[in-house]
Amino acid sequence: MLQRLQERGITMAILSSDVGSSLEAFLLEHQLMHFFKAIYGADRNPAKPDPAAAISVCEILAVNPEACGMVGDAEADLSMAAAAGLGWSLAYQGGWDLPLQLSGSHGHLQHWDQFAPL
């Protein structure tokens, strides 16, 4: 999925509640770092779930918030996306035995293959 998005010219970043060094170590270990233009962890200020954190990522990417989207796995992610004025958000509900019931998004993903139409 990351390869398909990159091939379509979609710029990707990570905004996480984890610290940047941990995120970078994970991405390097799994050879995923090259997919992301920005890594924005909880050690940055403002931090997630402050909507200003999402806006900061948009600024780093040099993209207007209305042209950005977010895939989140928590209500706080989706609320942050809406408050930041992001163009769209998707609720990721997979990865758990019982799918999370998340509201406030423009759609839901149960599995990353649902990005296949891209």
Protein backbone atom coordinates (compact mmCIF):
# COMPACT_ATOMS: atom_id res chain seq x y z
CA MET A 1 0.00 0.00 0.00
CA LEU A 2 2.79 2.45 0.86
CA GLN A 3 4.46 1.73 -2.48
CA ARG A 4 1.20 2.33 -4.37
CA LEU A 5 0.61 5.63 -2.57
CA GLN A 6 4.17 6.77 -3.24
CA GLU A 7 3.91 5.83 -6.92
CA ARG A 8 0.77 7.97 -7.17
CA GLY A 9 2.75 10.96 -5.87
CA ILE A 10 1.07 11.04 -2.48
CA THR A 11 3.36 12.56 0.14
CA MET A 12 3.19 10.72 3.46
CA ALA A 13 4.14 11.56 7.02
CA ILE A 14 3.71 9.97 10.42
CA LEU A 15 2.16 11.86 13.32
CA SER A 16 2.34 9.68 16.41
CA SER A 17 2.03 9.61 20.19
CA ASP A 18 5.32 7.70 20.21
CA VAL A 19 8.63 9.55 20.30
CA GLY A 20 10.42 10.30 17.05
CA SER A 21 13.54 8.25 17.77
CA SER A 22 11.45 5.14 18.42
CA LEU A 23 9.44 5.71 15.25
CA GLU A 24 12.59 6.20 13.19
CA ALA A 25 14.19 3.05 14.63
CA PHE A 26 11.08 1.02 13.73
CA LEU A 27 10.94 2.44 10.21
CA LEU A 28 14.65 1.82 9.63
CA GLU A 29 14.46 -1.73 10.95
CA HIS A 30 11.56 -2.53 8.62
CA GLN A 31 13.00 -0.56 5.67
CA LEU A 32 10.04 1.82 5.54
CA MET A 33 11.70 5.17 6.22
CA HIS A 34 11.91 6.14 2.54
CA PHE A 35 8.12 6.26 2.27
CA PHE A 36 7.76 9.17 4.68
CA LYS A 37 8.76 12.79 4.15
CA ALA A 38 8.22 13.68 7.82
CA ILE A 39 8.22 11.89 11.16
CA TYR A 40 6.49 13.87 13.90
CA GLY A 41 6.53 12.23 17.33
CA ALA A 42 5.33 13.08 20.82
CA ASP A 43 8.68 14.68 21.62
CA ARG A 44 7.77 17.58 19.28
CA ASN A 45 5.74 20.57 20.36
CA PRO A 46 2.85 20.90 19.83
CA ALA A 47 2.18 17.19 20.30
CA LYS A 48 -0.67 14.94 19.27
CA PRO A 49 -3.64 15.25 19.84
CA ASP A 50 -3.33 19.04 19.65
CA PRO A 51 -4.72 20.07 16.24
CA ALA A 52 -1.72 22.37 15.91
CA ALA A 53 0.44 19.22 15.61
CA ALA A 54 -1.46 18.17 12.48
CA ILE A 55 -1.14 21.67 11.09
CA SER A 56 2.61 21.59 11.81
CA VAL A 57 2.93 18.39 9.78
CA CYS A 58 1.07 20.04 6.90
CA GLU A 59 3.49 22.97 7.11
CA ILE A 60 6.49 20.61 7.06
CA LEU A 61 5.03 18.97 3.95
CA ALA A 62 4.26 22.40 2.45
CA VAL A 63 0.64 21.40 1.88
CA ASN A 64 -2.53 23.21 2.93
CA PRO A 65 -4.48 21.33 5.63
CA GLU A 66 -7.50 21.09 3.31
CA ALA A 67 -5.34 19.04 0.93
CA CYS A 68 -4.15 16.66 3.68
CA GLY A 69 -5.79 13.61 5.12
CA MET A 70 -5.25 11.36 8.09
CA VAL A 71 -5.73 7.71 8.88
CA GLY A 72 -6.23 7.32 12.62
CA ASP A 73 -7.00 4.50 15.01
CA ALA A 74 -8.49 6.55 17.86
CA GLU A 75 -11.29 9.07 18.36
CA ALA A 76 -8.63 11.61 19.38
CA ASP A 77 -6.97 11.24 15.95
CA LEU A 78 -10.22 11.88 14.11
CA SER A 79 -11.15 14.82 16.34
CA MET A 80 -7.67 16.30 15.83
CA ALA A 81 -8.00 15.96 12.04
CA ALA A 82 -11.37 17.72 12.05
CA ALA A 83 -10.21 20.51 14.38
CA ALA A 84 -7.08 21.06 12.25
CA GLY A 85 -9.23 21.46 9.13
CA LEU A 86 -7.78 18.45 7.31
CA GLY A 87 -9.57 17.59 4.10
CA TRP A 88 -10.44 14.05 5.15
CA SER A 89 -9.88 11.35 7.73
CA LEU A 90 -10.29 7.59 7.73
CA ALA A 91 -10.82 5.45 10.81
CA TYR A 92 -8.56 2.39 10.88
CA GLN A 93 -10.53 -0.32 12.67
CA GLY A 94 -8.39 -3.37 11.93
CA GLY A 95 -5.73 -5.00 14.03
CA TRP A 96 -7.98 -5.87 16.96
CA ASP A 97 -10.10 -8.94 17.67
CA LEU A 98 -13.19 -6.73 17.77
CA PRO A 99 -13.14 -3.80 15.33
CA LEU A 100 -13.03 -0.43 17.04
CA GLN A 101 -16.17 1.65 16.79
CA LEU A 102 -14.83 5.03 15.72
CA SER A 103 -16.90 7.98 14.61
CA GLY A 104 -16.13 11.34 13.09
CA SER A 105 -14.33 10.16 9.96
CA HIS A 106 -15.08 10.19 6.25
CA GLY A 107 -14.84 6.41 6.09
CA HIS A 108 -13.47 3.27 7.69
CA LEU A 109 -10.70 0.80 6.89
CA GLN A 110 -10.64 -2.73 8.23
CA HIS A 111 -7.49 -3.66 6.32
CA TRP A 112 -4.83 -1.71 4.43
CA ASP A 113 -5.77 -3.52 1.20
CA GLN A 114 -8.86 -1.33 1.14
CA PHE A 115 -6.55 1.35 -0.26
CA ALA A 116 -6.29 -0.88 -3.37
CA PRO A 117 -8.33 1.47 -5.63
CA LEU A 118 -5.53 4.01 -5.28
